[in-house]
Amino acid sequence: MEQEQPSVKDNGISKKEKYVFHTLERNKNNNQLIKSIALVVLGTVIYCFGVVWILQLGGFFSGGVTGASQLIVGLIEKFGGPKSIRGYLGVFVGLINLPLLIIGYRGVSKHFVILTIISIVLQTVLISIIANLSVSPFIYLLSDGGKVGDGIIDIFTNKGLSFAYNETNLLAEEAFRQNMQPGTRLLLAIIGGLVTGYGSALCLKGGGSTGGIDIISNYLVMKKRVPFTKYQFLVDMTIICASALISVENVLYTIIRLIVSMKVLQALYQAYQTTRLEIITDKSKELKEAFLEHFYHSMTIYDAVGGYTNQSKKVIEIYCMNFETPEYMALINSIDPKAFVITTKVKMIRGNYAQRSII
Protein backbone atom coordinates (compact mmCIF):
# COMPACT_ATOMS: atom_id res chain seq x y z
CA MET A 1 0.00 0.00 0.00
CA GLU A 2 1.63 3.19 -1.16
CA GLN A 3 1.06 6.09 1.22
CA GLU A 4 3.66 8.72 0.44
CA GLN A 5 4.31 10.56 -2.79
CA PRO A 6 5.70 13.99 -3.59
CA SER A 7 3.14 16.69 -4.29
CA VAL A 8 2.39 16.93 -8.03
CA LYS A 9 0.26 19.12 -10.24
CA ASP A 10 -2.15 17.65 -12.76
CA ASN A 11 -3.85 19.31 -15.72
CA GLY A 12 -7.09 17.56 -14.76
CA ILE A 13 -7.90 20.48 -12.42
CA SER A 14 -9.16 23.59 -14.16
CA LYS A 15 -7.51 26.98 -13.71
CA LYS A 16 -10.63 28.25 -11.97
CA GLU A 17 -10.55 25.36 -9.47
CA LYS A 18 -6.84 25.93 -8.84
CA TYR A 19 -7.43 29.63 -8.22
CA VAL A 20 -10.21 28.82 -5.76
CA PHE A 21 -8.06 26.22 -4.00
CA HIS A 22 -5.05 28.55 -3.70
CA THR A 23 -7.24 31.40 -2.42
CA LEU A 24 -8.78 29.12 0.17
CA GLU A 25 -5.29 27.91 1.12
CA ARG A 26 -4.00 31.46 1.70
CA ASN A 27 -7.04 32.46 3.73
CA LYS A 28 -6.79 29.24 5.73
CA ASN A 29 -3.12 29.84 6.52
CA ASN A 30 -3.76 33.44 7.63
CA ASN A 31 -6.70 32.43 9.79
CA GLN A 32 -4.74 29.49 11.20
CA LEU A 33 -1.83 31.75 12.16
CA ILE A 34 -4.10 34.21 13.98
CA LYS A 35 -5.90 31.36 15.74
CA SER A 36 -2.58 29.74 16.66
CA ILE A 37 -1.16 32.91 18.23
CA ALA A 38 -4.39 33.47 20.15
CA LEU A 39 -4.40 29.89 21.49
CA VAL A 40 -0.72 30.07 22.49
CA VAL A 41 -1.18 33.40 24.31
CA LEU A 42 -4.35 32.25 26.10
CA GLY A 43 -2.82 28.89 27.01
CA THR A 44 0.35 30.54 28.34
CA VAL A 45 -1.61 33.00 30.50
CA ILE A 46 -3.65 30.16 32.03
CA TYR A 47 -0.51 28.09 32.53
CA CYS A 48 1.36 30.93 34.28
CA PHE A 49 -1.43 31.66 36.73
CA GLY A 50 -1.70 27.93 37.45
CA VAL A 51 2.02 27.67 38.21
CA VAL A 52 2.24 30.71 40.51
CA TRP A 53 -1.18 30.83 42.16
CA ILE A 54 -1.72 27.08 42.59
CA LEU A 55 1.44 24.98 42.22
CA GLN A 56 3.75 27.31 44.12
CA LEU A 57 1.11 27.93 46.79
CA GLY A 58 0.75 24.19 47.39
CA GLY A 59 4.51 23.69 47.27
CA PHE A 60 4.16 21.41 44.23
CA PHE A 61 6.53 21.13 41.34
CA SER A 62 5.57 21.53 37.73
CA GLY A 63 7.11 19.32 35.07
CA GLY A 64 9.87 19.91 32.55
CA VAL A 65 11.75 23.20 32.49
CA THR A 66 9.32 24.95 34.83
CA GLY A 67 9.71 22.11 37.34
CA ALA A 68 13.51 22.25 37.00
CA SER A 69 13.37 26.01 37.61
CA GLN A 70 11.18 25.50 40.67
CA LEU A 71 13.66 22.91 41.92
CA ILE A 72 16.55 25.37 41.54
CA VAL A 73 14.62 28.11 43.36
CA GLY A 74 13.58 25.68 46.10
CA LEU A 75 17.13 24.43 46.67
CA ILE A 76 18.45 28.01 46.87
CA GLU A 77 15.79 28.76 49.50
CA LYS A 78 16.52 25.48 51.29
CA PHE A 79 20.19 26.35 51.71
CA GLY A 80 19.64 29.83 53.08
CA GLY A 81 18.97 31.86 49.96
CA PRO A 82 16.70 34.91 50.07
CA LYS A 83 12.92 34.52 49.79
CA SER A 84 13.02 37.03 46.95
CA ILE A 85 14.54 34.30 44.73
CA ARG A 86 10.96 33.17 44.03
CA GLY A 87 10.55 36.28 41.92
CA TYR A 88 13.27 35.04 39.53
CA LEU A 89 11.44 31.83 38.63
CA GLY A 90 10.45 33.22 35.22
CA VAL A 91 14.08 34.13 34.45
CA PHE A 92 15.24 30.54 35.09
CA VAL A 93 12.42 29.29 32.83
CA GLY A 94 13.62 31.50 29.98
CA LEU A 95 17.32 30.62 30.34
CA ILE A 96 16.88 26.84 30.45
CA ASN A 97 14.59 26.91 27.38
CA LEU A 98 17.13 28.57 25.09
CA PRO A 99 19.14 25.48 24.02
CA LEU A 100 15.97 23.41 23.58
CA LEU A 101 14.63 25.85 21.00
CA ILE A 102 17.43 24.83 18.62
CA ILE A 103 16.13 21.26 18.70
CA GLY A 104 12.62 22.48 17.95
CA TYR A 105 13.82 24.63 15.04
CA ARG A 106 15.70 21.77 13.42
CA GLY A 107 13.37 18.93 14.26
CA VAL A 108 9.81 20.31 14.21
CA SER A 109 9.31 23.58 12.30
CA LYS A 110 10.14 27.28 12.26
CA HIS A 111 6.53 28.20 13.04
CA PHE A 112 6.55 25.86 16.03
CA VAL A 113 9.66 27.55 17.41
CA ILE A 114 8.28 31.07 16.83
CA LEU A 115 5.06 30.23 18.67
CA THR A 116 7.04 28.52 21.44
CA ILE A 117 9.27 31.60 21.80
CA ILE A 118 6.14 33.73 22.18
CA SER A 119 5.02 31.42 24.98
CA ILE A 120 8.43 31.35 26.70
CA VAL A 121 8.82 35.15 26.59
CA LEU A 122 5.29 35.54 27.90
CA GLN A 123 6.02 33.01 30.66
CA THR A 124 9.24 34.78 31.65
CA VAL A 125 7.41 38.11 31.94
CA LEU A 126 4.09 36.91 33.35
CA ILE A 127 5.46 34.52 35.98
CA SER A 128 7.80 37.25 37.24
CA ILE A 129 4.98 39.82 37.33
CA ILE A 130 2.49 37.49 39.03
CA ALA A 131 5.06 36.26 41.57
CA ASN A 132 6.23 39.79 42.45
CA LEU A 133 2.98 41.78 42.30
CA SER A 134 0.28 39.42 43.61
CA VAL A 135 -0.55 36.69 46.08
CA SER A 136 -2.74 33.69 45.34
CA PRO A 137 -6.50 34.29 45.83
CA PHE A 138 -6.81 30.70 47.00
CA ILE A 139 -5.55 31.72 50.46
CA TYR A 140 -9.01 33.27 50.94
CA LEU A 141 -11.04 30.70 49.03
CA LEU A 142 -9.76 27.41 50.47
CA SER A 143 -9.49 25.92 53.96
CA ASP A 144 -6.88 27.46 56.25
CA GLY A 145 -5.93 25.57 59.38
CA GLY A 146 -9.10 23.50 59.41
CA LYS A 147 -11.43 26.44 58.78
CA VAL A 148 -13.67 26.41 55.74
CA GLY A 149 -12.73 28.97 53.12
CA ASP A 150 -15.13 31.81 52.49
CA GLY A 151 -17.31 32.08 49.41
CA ILE A 152 -16.95 34.87 46.85
CA ILE A 153 -19.93 36.80 48.26
CA ASP A 154 -18.66 36.54 51.85
CA ILE A 155 -15.17 37.68 50.86
CA PHE A 156 -16.36 40.79 49.04
CA THR A 157 -18.96 41.57 51.72
CA ASN A 158 -16.68 41.17 54.72
CA LYS A 159 -13.19 42.18 53.64
CA GLY A 160 -12.81 42.24 49.89
CA LEU A 161 -10.73 39.94 47.74
CA SER A 162 -7.24 41.41 47.56
CA PHE A 163 -4.41 40.07 45.38
CA ALA A 164 -2.07 42.92 46.25
CA TYR A 165 1.54 42.12 47.07
CA ASN A 166 1.68 43.77 50.47
CA GLU A 167 2.83 42.80 53.93
CA THR A 168 -0.64 41.81 55.17
CA ASN A 169 -1.31 39.47 52.26
CA LEU A 170 2.22 38.03 52.36
CA LEU A 171 1.76 37.16 56.03
CA ALA A 172 -1.64 35.63 55.23
CA GLU A 173 -0.12 33.56 52.42
CA GLU A 174 2.70 32.32 54.64
CA ALA A 175 0.19 31.41 57.37
CA PHE A 176 -1.87 29.55 54.78
CA ARG A 177 1.19 27.53 53.73
CA GLN A 178 2.05 26.66 57.34
CA ASN A 179 -1.51 25.67 58.32
CA MET A 180 -2.54 23.96 55.08
CA GLN A 181 -4.55 20.79 55.67
CA PRO A 182 -4.00 17.55 53.68
CA GLY A 183 -7.41 17.87 52.02
CA THR A 184 -6.63 21.41 50.89
CA ARG A 185 -3.26 20.37 49.52
CA LEU A 186 -4.85 17.48 47.62
CA LEU A 187 -7.44 19.85 46.17
CA LEU A 188 -4.70 22.24 45.04
CA ALA A 189 -2.86 19.33 43.39
CA ILE A 190 -5.94 18.35 41.39
CA ILE A 191 -6.85 21.94 40.43
CA GLY A 192 -3.23 22.71 39.57
CA GLY A 193 -3.03 19.67 37.30
CA LEU A 194 -6.24 20.65 35.53
CA VAL A 195 -5.27 24.30 35.02
CA THR A 196 -1.66 23.78 33.90
CA GLY A 197 -2.61 20.78 31.76
CA TYR A 198 -5.33 22.80 30.06
CA GLY A 199 -2.98 25.73 29.46
CA SER A 200 -0.33 23.44 27.95
CA ALA A 201 -2.92 21.71 25.76
CA LEU A 202 -4.12 25.06 24.34
CA CYS A 203 -0.54 25.98 23.41
CA LEU A 204 -0.01 22.62 21.73
CA LYS A 205 -3.31 22.82 19.85
CA GLY A 206 -2.19 26.19 18.54
CA GLY A 207 0.93 24.64 17.02
CA GLY A 208 3.38 25.86 19.66
CA SER A 209 4.21 24.73 23.18
CA THR A 210 5.05 26.04 26.64
CA GLY A 211 8.66 25.09 25.91
CA GLY A 212 10.97 22.71 27.68
CA ILE A 213 10.04 19.03 27.46
CA ASP A 214 7.11 19.87 25.16
CA ILE A 215 9.72 20.71 22.50
CA ILE A 216 11.42 17.33 22.89
CA SER A 217 8.05 15.53 22.95
CA ASN A 218 6.93 17.22 19.71
CA TYR A 219 10.26 16.31 18.12
CA LEU A 220 9.77 12.64 19.07
CA VAL A 221 6.20 12.69 17.76
CA MET A 222 7.32 14.16 14.42
CA LYS A 223 10.46 12.06 13.89
CA LYS A 224 9.95 8.87 15.86
CA ARG A 225 6.14 8.70 16.19
CA VAL A 226 6.55 8.21 19.92
CA PRO A 227 3.39 8.94 22.00
CA PHE A 228 3.56 12.56 23.15
CA THR A 229 3.12 11.92 26.87
CA LYS A 230 5.44 8.89 27.15
CA TYR A 231 8.84 10.55 27.57
CA GLN A 232 7.30 13.71 28.99
CA PHE A 233 5.90 11.65 31.85
CA LEU A 234 9.28 9.97 32.48
CA VAL A 235 11.19 13.28 32.56
CA ASP A 236 8.58 14.93 34.76
CA MET A 237 8.69 12.00 37.18
CA THR A 238 12.48 12.32 37.40
CA ILE A 239 12.23 16.03 38.26
CA ILE A 240 9.44 15.39 40.74
CA CYS A 241 11.37 12.63 42.50
CA ALA A 242 14.39 14.95 42.68
CA SER A 243 12.17 17.44 44.51
CA ALA A 244 12.19 14.98 47.44
CA LEU A 245 15.41 16.79 48.39
CA ILE A 246 13.13 19.63 49.47
CA SER A 247 9.99 17.83 50.63
CA VAL A 248 9.02 14.14 50.42
CA GLU A 249 5.38 14.89 51.24
CA ASN A 250 5.08 17.33 48.36
CA VAL A 251 6.37 14.65 45.98
CA LEU A 252 3.33 12.48 46.68
CA TYR A 253 0.92 15.35 46.04
CA THR A 254 2.88 16.40 42.96
CA ILE A 255 2.55 12.91 41.44
CA ILE A 256 -1.22 13.34 41.71
CA ARG A 257 -0.87 16.72 39.98
CA LEU A 258 1.22 15.14 37.21
CA ILE A 259 -1.26 12.32 36.56
CA VAL A 260 -4.15 14.79 36.31
CA SER A 261 -2.13 17.04 34.00
CA MET A 262 -1.17 14.13 31.69
CA LYS A 263 -4.79 12.97 31.50
CA VAL A 264 -5.89 16.47 30.48
CA LEU A 265 -3.18 16.59 27.79
CA GLN A 266 -4.15 13.17 26.44
CA ALA A 267 -7.81 14.16 26.30
CA LEU A 268 -7.36 17.56 24.67
CA TYR A 269 -4.24 17.24 22.54
CA GLN A 270 -4.65 14.73 19.72
CA ALA A 271 -3.43 16.84 16.81
CA TYR A 272 -0.69 14.38 15.79
CA GLN A 273 -2.78 11.26 16.18
CA THR A 274 -3.07 9.37 12.89
CA THR A 275 -6.53 9.13 11.29
CA ARG A 276 -7.63 6.74 8.54
CA LEU A 277 -10.01 8.19 5.95
CA GLU A 278 -12.13 6.01 3.69
CA ILE A 279 -13.94 7.92 0.96
CA ILE A 280 -16.51 6.12 -1.20
CA THR A 281 -17.12 8.32 -4.23
CA ASP A 282 -18.07 8.63 -7.89
CA LYS A 283 -15.46 11.36 -8.39
CA SER A 284 -12.26 9.55 -7.47
CA LYS A 285 -10.20 11.18 -10.26
CA GLU A 286 -11.07 14.74 -9.20
CA LEU A 287 -10.50 13.97 -5.52
CA LYS A 288 -7.19 12.26 -6.22
CA GLU A 289 -5.88 15.27 -8.17
CA ALA A 290 -7.05 17.69 -5.47
CA PHE A 291 -5.48 15.63 -2.66
CA LEU A 292 -2.12 15.37 -4.43
CA GLU A 293 -2.24 19.12 -5.10
CA HIS A 294 -2.83 20.16 -1.50
CA PHE A 295 -1.55 17.46 0.86
CA TYR A 296 1.62 15.58 1.75
CA HIS A 297 0.07 12.13 1.68
CA SER A 298 -0.73 9.87 -1.25
CA MET A 299 -3.53 7.31 -1.11
CA THR A 300 -4.72 3.84 -2.06
CA ILE A 301 -7.65 3.55 -4.49
CA TYR A 302 -9.65 0.38 -5.10
CA ASP A 303 -12.98 -0.66 -6.62
CA ALA A 304 -16.19 -1.21 -4.70
CA VAL A 305 -19.77 -2.13 -5.55
CA GLY A 306 -22.82 -0.72 -3.81
CA GLY A 307 -24.73 -3.49 -2.06
CA TYR A 308 -28.13 -1.88 -2.71
CA THR A 309 -27.62 -0.19 -6.09
CA ASN A 310 -25.01 -2.61 -7.54
CA GLN A 311 -23.28 0.46 -8.98
CA SER A 312 -19.49 0.58 -9.25
CA LYS A 313 -17.69 3.11 -7.09
CA LYS A 314 -14.16 3.89 -5.97
CA VAL A 315 -12.82 3.81 -2.43
CA ILE A 316 -9.97 6.20 -1.57
CA GLU A 317 -8.03 5.26 1.55
CA ILE A 318 -5.80 7.91 3.16
CA TYR A 319 -3.80 8.11 6.40
CA CYS A 320 -3.41 11.66 7.69
CA MET A 321 -2.82 13.65 10.86
CA ASN A 322 -5.83 14.38 13.05
CA PHE A 323 -5.46 18.16 12.54
CA GLU A 324 -5.54 17.63 8.75
CA THR A 325 -8.92 15.86 8.83
CA PRO A 326 -11.06 19.06 8.68
CA GLU A 327 -9.04 20.21 5.65
CA TYR A 328 -9.70 16.91 3.87
CA MET A 329 -13.38 17.04 4.74
CA ALA A 330 -13.75 20.59 3.40
CA LEU A 331 -12.06 19.63 0.12
CA ILE A 332 -14.17 16.48 -0.23
CA ASN A 333 -17.34 18.46 0.37
CA SER A 334 -16.39 21.04 -2.28
CA ILE A 335 -15.83 18.36 -4.97
CA ASP A 336 -18.26 15.57 -4.04
CA PRO A 337 -20.80 16.53 -1.36
CA LYS A 338 -22.43 13.09 -1.74
CA ALA A 339 -19.26 11.17 -0.92
CA PHE A 340 -19.51 8.65 1.93
CA VAL A 341 -16.64 9.26 4.38
CA ILE A 342 -15.48 7.09 7.29
CA THR A 343 -12.84 8.20 9.82
CA THR A 344 -11.01 5.78 12.12
CA LYS A 345 -8.36 6.44 14.77
CA VAL A 346 -5.09 4.59 14.14
CA LYS A 347 -2.94 3.38 17.05
CA MET A 348 0.26 2.71 15.12
CA ILE A 349 1.63 3.21 11.63
CA ARG A 350 4.95 2.17 10.10
CA GLY A 351 6.58 2.57 6.73
CA ASN A 352 7.04 5.37 4.24
CA TYR A 353 4.90 7.96 5.97
CA ALA A 354 5.91 11.56 6.57
CA GLN A 355 4.33 13.91 9.09
CA ARG A 356 4.13 17.67 8.97
CA SER A 357 3.70 20.12 11.82
CA ILE A 358 0.34 21.64 12.63
CA ILE A 359 1.47 24.99 11.18
Foldseek 3Di string as FASTA:
>chain_A
DAKFDAFDADPVDDPVRVVVVVVVVVVVVVVLLVLLLVLLVVLLLLQLCLCAQQCVLLVAADFFQLRVLSLVLLVCVVVPHDPCSQLQSLVSSLVVQVVLLVLLVVQAHPSQSVSLVVSSVCNSVSNNCLNQFFHHLVLQCQDALNDGHDDPVCQCVPPHRGGGPDPVVVVSSVSRNVRPDPVNSLVSLLVSLQRNLSSQLSNVVSQYGNGGVQSVLSSCCQPVVDPSCPVRVVRRLVSLVVSVVNPPVSSVSNVSSSVNSVVSNVVRHQQQFKKKKKKKDAPVVVLQNVCSNPHRIHWDKDWDADPVPRDIIIITIHIATPLCVVVSVVVCCVPPVPIDMDMDTDDDDDDPDHHHGSD
